[in-house]
Amino acid sequence: MTDAPIATGRAGGFITFEGGEGAGKSTQIARLAAWLRAGTEGGPREVVTTREPGGSPRAERIRAAVLSGIAKPHGPFAEALLFAAARLDHLSTLIRPSLARGAVVVCDRFSDSTRAYQGAAGGLEPETLSALERVVVGPTRPDLTLILDLAPEIGLARARQRDRAAASAPDRFEAEALDFHQRLRAAFRAIAEAEPGRCVVIDAQATPDAVARAVRAAVAARLPHLAPGVSDAA
């Protein structure tokens, strides 16, 4: 696996957020998108926010099925195949067209989640996941991946509080035992260590404002052309 993202020459950028349950990805994606939309000296910038599994009508249907637990009895390989099918549609219908027109795409989870959930935590062999990634993702790799790092005990407590507020039950992954979530955290940290050119680990236990500042600082440092007020021609 290469250390740095594949150079694309695109004017926008592809940013992904990763992390365990309850890490605050949705909140930080919304805040980052608002910051990025301030745009450049040439005017507002297009920012597309999306999620995985999901992001396209077909992929959202797969998401509903997987999070309901329908694939769990068939094992992590079946889940990985479903996620791959959803990702293939998501890439072709939303992500690649958005990048082609120069938009910034900010995605809640991407292929690193498959590596962590079905791979490190689920037991699926890395070689199998790498093969799926080569076929499905190809060169469309994130320019920057922000990993929101949080102790799973805290994240799960946050997720339970969110579920109670929404009067919903834990989904297929939230319902897993604590050791599963501990393996997830270790997996995301290992991904960041293996690919420091692409990944930045953010302490998600800090206040939302502090996390947002750290996220913006990482984007400005790694993708300076996206910082508001910077000219695209600079």
C-alpha atoms as a PDB file:
ATOM      1  CA  MET A   1       0.000   0.000   0.000  1.00  0.00           C
ATOM      2  CA  THR A   2       1.445   3.369  -1.004  1.00  0.00           C
ATOM      3  CA  ASP A   3       2.054   5.954   1.716  1.00  0.00           C
ATOM      4  CA  ALA A   4       0.601   8.986  -0.073  1.00  0.00           C
ATOM      5  CA  PRO A   5      -2.600   9.513  -2.059  1.00  0.00           C
ATOM      6  CA  ILE A   6      -2.425   9.038  -5.797  1.00  0.00           C
ATOM      7  CA  ALA A   7      -1.937  12.418  -7.483  1.00  0.00           C
ATOM      8  CA  THR A   8      -5.065  13.415  -9.374  1.00  0.00           C
ATOM      9  CA  GLY A   9      -4.498  17.042 -10.312  1.00  0.00           C
ATOM     10  CA  ARG A  10      -8.123  17.845  -9.443  1.00  0.00           C
ATOM     11  CA  ALA A  11      -9.072  21.347  -8.350  1.00  0.00           C
ATOM     12  CA  GLY A  12     -11.246  20.160  -5.502  1.00  0.00           C
ATOM     13  CA  GLY A  13     -10.384  17.300  -3.216  1.00  0.00           C
ATOM     14  CA  PHE A  14     -11.571  14.080  -1.646  1.00  0.00           C
ATOM     15  CA  ILE A  15     -11.647  14.106   2.156  1.00  0.00           C
ATOM     16  CA  THR A  16     -12.864  11.190   4.255  1.00  0.00           C
ATOM     17  CA  PHE A  17     -13.684  10.954   7.954  1.00  0.00           C
ATOM     18  CA  GLU A  18     -13.138   7.715   9.837  1.00  0.00           C
ATOM     19  CA  GLY A  19     -13.474   6.543  13.438  1.00  0.00           C
ATOM     20  CA  GLY A  20     -15.495   4.406  15.779  1.00  0.00           C
ATOM     21  CA  GLU A  21     -19.095   4.753  16.826  1.00  0.00           C
ATOM     22  CA  GLY A  22     -20.014   8.055  18.475  1.00  0.00           C
ATOM     23  CA  ALA A  23     -16.791   9.817  17.483  1.00  0.00           C
ATOM     24  CA  GLY A  24     -18.662  12.867  16.178  1.00  0.00           C
ATOM     25  CA  LYS A  25     -18.035  12.459  12.448  1.00  0.00           C
ATOM     26  CA  SER A  26     -21.407  13.855  11.346  1.00  0.00           C
ATOM     27  CA  THR A  27     -20.980  16.999  13.429  1.00  0.00           C
ATOM     28  CA  GLN A  28     -17.454  17.647  12.200  1.00  0.00           C
ATOM     29  CA  ILE A  29     -18.311  16.964   8.561  1.00  0.00           C
ATOM     30  CA  ALA A  30     -21.073  19.581   8.697  1.00  0.00           C
ATOM     31  CA  ARG A  31     -18.727  22.105  10.297  1.00  0.00           C
ATOM     32  CA  LEU A  32     -15.897  21.436   7.856  1.00  0.00           C
ATOM     33  CA  ALA A  33     -18.241  21.671   4.872  1.00  0.00           C
ATOM     34  CA  ALA A  34     -19.495  25.077   6.041  1.00  0.00           C
ATOM     35  CA  TRP A  35     -15.890  26.277   6.402  1.00  0.00           C
ATOM     36  CA  LEU A  36     -14.881  24.974   2.980  1.00  0.00           C
ATOM     37  CA  ARG A  37     -17.943  26.505   1.314  1.00  0.00           C
ATOM     38  CA  ALA A  38     -16.623  29.954   2.212  1.00  0.00           C
ATOM     39  CA  GLY A  39     -14.611  29.333  -0.922  1.00  0.00           C
ATOM     40  CA  THR A  40     -11.727  31.129  -2.538  1.00  0.00           C
ATOM     41  CA  GLU A  41     -11.099  34.628  -3.766  1.00  0.00           C
ATOM     42  CA  GLY A  42     -12.964  33.603  -6.910  1.00  0.00           C
ATOM     43  CA  GLY A  43     -16.201  32.864  -5.042  1.00  0.00           C
ATOM     44  CA  PRO A  44     -17.941  30.086  -3.105  1.00  0.00           C
ATOM     45  CA  ARG A  45     -16.711  26.538  -3.552  1.00  0.00           C
ATOM     46  CA  GLU A  46     -18.922  23.520  -4.215  1.00  0.00           C
ATOM     47  CA  VAL A  47     -18.728  21.019  -1.364  1.00  0.00           C
ATOM     48  CA  VAL A  48     -20.538  17.677  -1.564  1.00  0.00           C
ATOM     49  CA  THR A  49     -21.104  15.815   1.697  1.00  0.00           C
ATOM     50  CA  THR A  50     -21.956  12.142   1.571  1.00  0.00           C
ATOM     51  CA  ARG A  51     -21.638   8.912   3.549  1.00  0.00           C
ATOM     52  CA  GLU A  52     -20.883   5.221   3.357  1.00  0.00           C
ATOM     53  CA  PRO A  53     -22.491   2.866   3.132  1.00  0.00           C
ATOM     54  CA  GLY A  54     -24.906   5.022   1.172  1.00  0.00           C
ATOM     55  CA  GLY A  55     -24.602   8.220  -0.792  1.00  0.00           C
ATOM     56  CA  SER A  56     -26.665   7.057  -3.775  1.00  0.00           C
ATOM     57  CA  PRO A  57     -30.178   5.570  -3.932  1.00  0.00           C
ATOM     58  CA  ARG A  58     -29.003   2.000  -4.521  1.00  0.00           C
ATOM     59  CA  ALA A  59     -26.232   2.300  -1.944  1.00  0.00           C
ATOM     60  CA  GLU A  60     -28.691   3.647   0.636  1.00  0.00           C
ATOM     61  CA  ARG A  61     -30.847   0.550   0.164  1.00  0.00           C
ATOM     62  CA  ILE A  62     -27.789  -1.626   0.775  1.00  0.00           C
ATOM     63  CA  ARG A  63     -27.002   0.466   3.861  1.00  0.00           C
ATOM     64  CA  ALA A  64     -30.436  -0.173   5.332  1.00  0.00           C
ATOM     65  CA  ALA A  65     -30.073  -3.902   4.771  1.00  0.00           C
ATOM     66  CA  VAL A  66     -26.574  -4.173   6.247  1.00  0.00           C
ATOM     67  CA  LEU A  67     -27.272  -2.036   9.327  1.00  0.00           C
ATOM     68  CA  SER A  68     -30.372  -4.108  10.024  1.00  0.00           C
ATOM     69  CA  GLY A  69     -28.039  -7.093  10.486  1.00  0.00           C
ATOM     70  CA  ILE A  70     -29.336  -9.099   7.539  1.00  0.00           C
ATOM     71  CA  ALA A  71     -25.815 -10.031   6.364  1.00  0.00           C
ATOM     72  CA  LYS A  72     -24.282 -10.715   9.777  1.00  0.00           C
ATOM     73  CA  PRO A  73     -25.136 -14.459   9.832  1.00  0.00           C
ATOM     74  CA  HIS A  74     -23.238 -14.837   6.549  1.00  0.00           C
ATOM     75  CA  GLY A  75     -19.999 -13.425   7.970  1.00  0.00           C
ATOM     76  CA  PRO A  76     -17.675 -10.495   7.251  1.00  0.00           C
ATOM     77  CA  PHE A  77     -17.006 -11.505   3.636  1.00  0.00           C
ATOM     78  CA  ALA A  78     -20.692 -11.170   2.763  1.00  0.00           C
ATOM     79  CA  GLU A  79     -20.781  -7.767   4.457  1.00  0.00           C
ATOM     80  CA  ALA A  80     -17.628  -6.673   2.636  1.00  0.00           C
ATOM     81  CA  LEU A  81     -19.169  -7.666  -0.701  1.00  0.00           C
ATOM     82  CA  LEU A  82     -22.298  -5.652   0.059  1.00  0.00           C
ATOM     83  CA  PHE A  83     -20.218  -2.646   1.053  1.00  0.00           C
ATOM     84  CA  ALA A  84     -18.185  -3.036  -2.149  1.00  0.00           C
ATOM     85  CA  ALA A  85     -21.370  -3.058  -4.239  1.00  0.00           C
ATOM     86  CA  ALA A  86     -22.614   0.058  -2.459  1.00  0.00           C
ATOM     87  CA  ARG A  87     -19.231   1.774  -2.883  1.00  0.00           C
ATOM     88  CA  LEU A  88     -19.089   0.953  -6.589  1.00  0.00           C
ATOM     89  CA  ASP A  89     -22.437   2.644  -7.182  1.00  0.00           C
ATOM     90  CA  HIS A  90     -21.584   5.554  -4.881  1.00  0.00           C
ATOM     91  CA  LEU A  91     -18.325   6.221  -6.720  1.00  0.00           C
ATOM     92  CA  SER A  92     -19.842   6.062 -10.186  1.00  0.00           C
ATOM     93  CA  THR A  93     -22.976   8.100  -9.486  1.00  0.00           C
ATOM     94  CA  LEU A  94     -21.775  10.728  -6.997  1.00  0.00           C
ATOM     95  CA  ILE A  95     -18.116  10.825  -5.971  1.00  0.00           C
ATOM     96  CA  ARG A  96     -16.327  10.645  -9.327  1.00  0.00           C
ATOM     97  CA  PRO A  97     -18.698  13.027 -11.161  1.00  0.00           C
ATOM     98  CA  SER A  98     -18.371  15.539  -8.301  1.00  0.00           C
ATOM     99  CA  LEU A  99     -14.580  15.368  -8.326  1.00  0.00           C
ATOM    100  CA  ALA A 100     -14.526  15.654 -12.126  1.00  0.00           C
ATOM    101  CA  ARG A 101     -16.270  19.023 -12.003  1.00  0.00           C
ATOM    102  CA  GLY A 102     -13.869  20.331  -9.349  1.00  0.00           C
ATOM    103  CA  ALA A 103     -16.017  19.946  -6.231  1.00  0.00           C
ATOM    104  CA  VAL A 104     -14.724  18.997  -2.802  1.00  0.00           C
ATOM    105  CA  VAL A 105     -16.199  15.695  -1.624  1.00  0.00           C
ATOM    106  CA  VAL A 106     -16.350  15.082   2.124  1.00  0.00           C
ATOM    107  CA  CYS A 107     -17.381  11.522   2.926  1.00  0.00           C
ATOM    108  CA  ASP A 108     -18.408   9.969   6.239  1.00  0.00           C
ATOM    109  CA  ARG A 109     -16.484   6.655   6.015  1.00  0.00           C
ATOM    110  CA  PHE A 110     -14.899   5.015   2.984  1.00  0.00           C
ATOM    111  CA  SER A 111     -12.723   1.983   2.307  1.00  0.00           C
ATOM    112  CA  ASP A 112     -10.780   2.338   5.582  1.00  0.00           C
ATOM    113  CA  SER A 113     -13.963   1.423   7.435  1.00  0.00           C
ATOM    114  CA  THR A 114     -14.166  -1.837   5.509  1.00  0.00           C
ATOM    115  CA  ARG A 115     -10.546  -2.551   6.441  1.00  0.00           C
ATOM    116  CA  ALA A 116     -11.314  -1.846  10.096  1.00  0.00           C
ATOM    117  CA  TYR A 117     -14.817  -3.306  10.546  1.00  0.00           C
ATOM    118  CA  GLN A 118     -14.777  -6.374   8.314  1.00  0.00           C
ATOM    119  CA  GLY A 119     -10.999  -6.776   8.365  1.00  0.00           C
ATOM    120  CA  ALA A 120      -9.291  -6.095  11.689  1.00  0.00           C
ATOM    121  CA  ALA A 121     -12.414  -6.378  13.844  1.00  0.00           C
ATOM    122  CA  GLY A 122     -14.293  -8.940  11.737  1.00  0.00           C
ATOM    123  CA  GLY A 123     -11.377 -11.215  10.871  1.00  0.00           C
ATOM    124  CA  LEU A 124     -11.421 -10.957   7.074  1.00  0.00           C
ATOM    125  CA  GLU A 125      -7.989 -11.367   5.476  1.00  0.00           C
ATOM    126  CA  PRO A 126      -6.258  -8.123   4.394  1.00  0.00           C
ATOM    127  CA  GLU A 127      -5.439  -9.651   0.998  1.00  0.00           C
ATOM    128  CA  THR A 128      -9.134 -10.141   0.273  1.00  0.00           C
ATOM    129  CA  LEU A 129      -9.948  -6.558   1.203  1.00  0.00           C
ATOM    130  CA  SER A 130      -7.027  -5.226  -0.832  1.00  0.00           C
ATOM    131  CA  ALA A 131      -8.279  -7.099  -3.883  1.00  0.00           C
ATOM    132  CA  LEU A 132     -11.780  -5.664  -3.480  1.00  0.00           C
ATOM    133  CA  GLU A 133     -10.337  -2.190  -3.019  1.00  0.00           C
ATOM    134  CA  ARG A 134      -8.240  -2.444  -6.173  1.00  0.00           C
ATOM    135  CA  VAL A 135     -11.260  -3.445  -8.230  1.00  0.00           C
ATOM    136  CA  VAL A 136     -13.830  -1.061  -6.713  1.00  0.00           C
ATOM    137  CA  VAL A 137     -11.869   2.022  -5.664  1.00  0.00           C
ATOM    138  CA  GLY A 138      -9.006   1.974  -8.153  1.00  0.00           C
ATOM    139  CA  PRO A 139      -7.228   5.350  -8.230  1.00  0.00           C
ATOM    140  CA  THR A 140     -10.078   7.250  -6.542  1.00  0.00           C
ATOM    141  CA  ARG A 141      -8.400   7.346  -3.148  1.00  0.00           C
ATOM    142  CA  PRO A 142      -8.889  10.102  -0.579  1.00  0.00           C
ATOM    143  CA  ASP A 143      -6.487  13.029  -0.632  1.00  0.00           C
ATOM    144  CA  LEU A 144      -6.877  13.298   3.144  1.00  0.00           C
ATOM    145  CA  THR A 145      -8.382  11.010   5.769  1.00  0.00           C
ATOM    146  CA  LEU A 146      -9.229  12.445   9.181  1.00  0.00           C
ATOM    147  CA  ILE A 147      -9.484   9.750  11.843  1.00  0.00           C
ATOM    148  CA  LEU A 148     -11.488  10.864  14.878  1.00  0.00           C
ATOM    149  CA  ASP A 149      -9.906   8.892  17.699  1.00  0.00           C
ATOM    150  CA  LEU A 150     -11.987   8.210  20.806  1.00  0.00           C
ATOM    151  CA  ALA A 151     -12.044   5.594  23.547  1.00  0.00           C
ATOM    152  CA  PRO A 152     -14.815   3.167  22.565  1.00  0.00           C
ATOM    153  CA  GLU A 153     -16.447   3.370  25.997  1.00  0.00           C
ATOM    154  CA  ILE A 154     -17.034   7.079  25.465  1.00  0.00           C
ATOM    155  CA  GLY A 155     -18.103   6.665  21.860  1.00  0.00           C
ATOM    156  CA  LEU A 156     -20.611   3.944  22.626  1.00  0.00           C
ATOM    157  CA  ALA A 157     -22.090   6.010  25.463  1.00  0.00           C
ATOM    158  CA  ARG A 158     -22.530   8.891  23.028  1.00  0.00           C
ATOM    159  CA  ALA A 159     -24.114   6.559  20.460  1.00  0.00           C
ATOM    160  CA  ARG A 160     -26.559   5.193  23.035  1.00  0.00           C
ATOM    161  CA  GLN A 161     -27.525   8.728  24.051  1.00  0.00           C
ATOM    162  CA  ARG A 162     -28.083   9.626  20.400  1.00  0.00           C
ATOM    163  CA  ASP A 163     -30.205   6.504  19.845  1.00  0.00           C
ATOM    164  CA  ARG A 164     -32.352   7.292  22.880  1.00  0.00           C
ATOM    165  CA  ALA A 165     -32.912  10.839  21.658  1.00  0.00           C
ATOM    166  CA  ALA A 166     -33.984   9.485  18.266  1.00  0.00           C
ATOM    167  CA  ALA A 167     -36.011   6.650  19.826  1.00  0.00           C
ATOM    168  CA  SER A 168     -34.068   4.150  17.726  1.00  0.00           C
ATOM    169  CA  ALA A 169     -32.329   0.874  18.516  1.00  0.00           C
ATOM    170  CA  PRO A 170     -28.551   0.336  18.173  1.00  0.00           C
ATOM    171  CA  ASP A 171     -27.603  -0.702  14.661  1.00  0.00           C
ATOM    172  CA  ARG A 172     -25.763  -3.892  13.713  1.00  0.00           C
ATOM    173  CA  PHE A 173     -22.311  -2.483  14.614  1.00  0.00           C
ATOM    174  CA  GLU A 174     -23.218  -0.410  17.661  1.00  0.00           C
ATOM    175  CA  ALA A 175     -24.610  -3.598  19.196  1.00  0.00           C
ATOM    176  CA  GLU A 176     -21.248  -5.386  19.055  1.00  0.00           C
ATOM    177  CA  ALA A 177     -19.327  -6.099  22.263  1.00  0.00           C
ATOM    178  CA  LEU A 178     -16.730  -3.694  23.632  1.00  0.00           C
ATOM    179  CA  ASP A 179     -13.761  -5.791  22.466  1.00  0.00           C
ATOM    180  CA  PHE A 180     -14.974  -5.435  18.861  1.00  0.00           C
ATOM    181  CA  HIS A 181     -14.885  -1.653  19.207  1.00  0.00           C
ATOM    182  CA  GLN A 182     -11.477  -1.776  20.850  1.00  0.00           C
ATOM    183  CA  ARG A 183     -10.172  -3.685  17.826  1.00  0.00           C
ATOM    184  CA  LEU A 184     -11.731  -1.037  15.598  1.00  0.00           C
ATOM    185  CA  ARG A 185      -9.876   1.747  17.361  1.00  0.00           C
ATOM    186  CA  ALA A 186      -6.599  -0.136  17.090  1.00  0.00           C
ATOM    187  CA  ALA A 187      -7.266  -0.771  13.393  1.00  0.00           C
ATOM    188  CA  PHE A 188      -7.847   2.899  12.578  1.00  0.00           C
ATOM    189  CA  ARG A 189      -4.695   3.855  14.467  1.00  0.00           C
ATOM    190  CA  ALA A 190      -2.728   1.219  12.542  1.00  0.00           C
ATOM    191  CA  ILE A 191      -4.037   2.581   9.230  1.00  0.00           C
ATOM    192  CA  ALA A 192      -2.925   6.085  10.223  1.00  0.00           C
ATOM    193  CA  GLU A 193       0.513   4.821  11.228  1.00  0.00           C
ATOM    194  CA  ALA A 194       0.914   2.924   7.959  1.00  0.00           C
ATOM    195  CA  GLU A 195      -0.189   5.861   5.766  1.00  0.00           C
ATOM    196  CA  PRO A 196       0.875   9.098   7.472  1.00  0.00           C
ATOM    197  CA  GLY A 197       0.941  10.946   4.158  1.00  0.00           C
ATOM    198  CA  ARG A 198      -2.825  10.519   3.839  1.00  0.00           C
ATOM    199  CA  CYS A 199      -4.099  10.198   7.401  1.00  0.00           C
ATOM    200  CA  VAL A 200      -4.303  12.591  10.345  1.00  0.00           C
ATOM    201  CA  VAL A 201      -5.477  11.405  13.773  1.00  0.00           C
ATOM    202  CA  ILE A 202      -7.673  13.901  15.655  1.00  0.00           C
ATOM    203  CA  ASP A 203      -8.414  13.658  19.383  1.00  0.00           C
ATOM    204  CA  ALA A 204     -12.209  13.347  19.382  1.00  0.00           C
ATOM    205  CA  GLN A 205     -12.510  13.552  23.167  1.00  0.00           C
ATOM    206  CA  ALA A 206     -11.901  17.305  23.001  1.00  0.00           C
ATOM    207  CA  THR A 207     -14.788  19.764  22.764  1.00  0.00           C
ATOM    208  CA  PRO A 208     -16.546  20.003  19.387  1.00  0.00           C
ATOM    209  CA  ASP A 209     -15.007  23.453  18.865  1.00  0.00           C
ATOM    210  CA  ALA A 210     -11.504  22.145  19.575  1.00  0.00           C
ATOM    211  CA  VAL A 211     -12.021  19.171  17.258  1.00  0.00           C
ATOM    212  CA  ALA A 212     -13.280  21.503  14.509  1.00  0.00           C
ATOM    213  CA  ARG A 213     -10.180  23.670  14.879  1.00  0.00           C
ATOM    214  CA  ALA A 214      -7.928  20.613  14.634  1.00  0.00           C
ATOM    215  CA  VAL A 215      -9.794  19.416  11.543  1.00  0.00           C
ATOM    216  CA  ARG A 216      -9.473  22.799   9.826  1.00  0.00           C
ATOM    217  CA  ALA A 217      -5.774  22.975  10.713  1.00  0.00           C
ATOM    218  CA  ALA A 218      -5.187  19.532   9.199  1.00  0.00           C
ATOM    219  CA  VAL A 219      -7.008  20.452   5.988  1.00  0.00           C
ATOM    220  CA  ALA A 220      -5.159  23.773   5.699  1.00  0.00           C
ATOM    221  CA  ALA A 221      -1.800  22.045   6.231  1.00  0.00           C
ATOM    222  CA  ARG A 222      -2.368  19.064   3.939  1.00  0.00           C
ATOM    223  CA  LEU A 223      -4.602  20.665   1.277  1.00  0.00           C
ATOM    224  CA  PRO A 224      -3.781  24.380   1.473  1.00  0.00           C
ATOM    225  CA  HIS A 225      -5.574  25.191  -1.796  1.00  0.00           C
ATOM    226  CA  LEU A 226      -8.864  24.380  -0.047  1.00  0.00           C
ATOM    227  CA  ALA A 227      -8.447  26.849   2.821  1.00  0.00           C
ATOM    228  CA  PRO A 228     -11.028  29.672   2.492  1.00  0.00           C
ATOM    229  CA  GLY A 229      -9.568  32.867   1.135  1.00  0.00           C
ATOM    230  CA  VAL A 230      -6.879  31.087  -0.897  1.00  0.00           C
ATOM    231  CA  SER A 231      -7.066  31.649  -4.628  1.00  0.00           C
ATOM    232  CA  ASP A 232      -7.358  28.553  -6.822  1.00  0.00           C
ATOM    233  CA  ALA A 233      -4.638  30.101  -8.964  1.00  0.00           C
ATOM    234  CA  ALA A 234      -2.238  30.493  -6.037  1.00  0.00           C
END
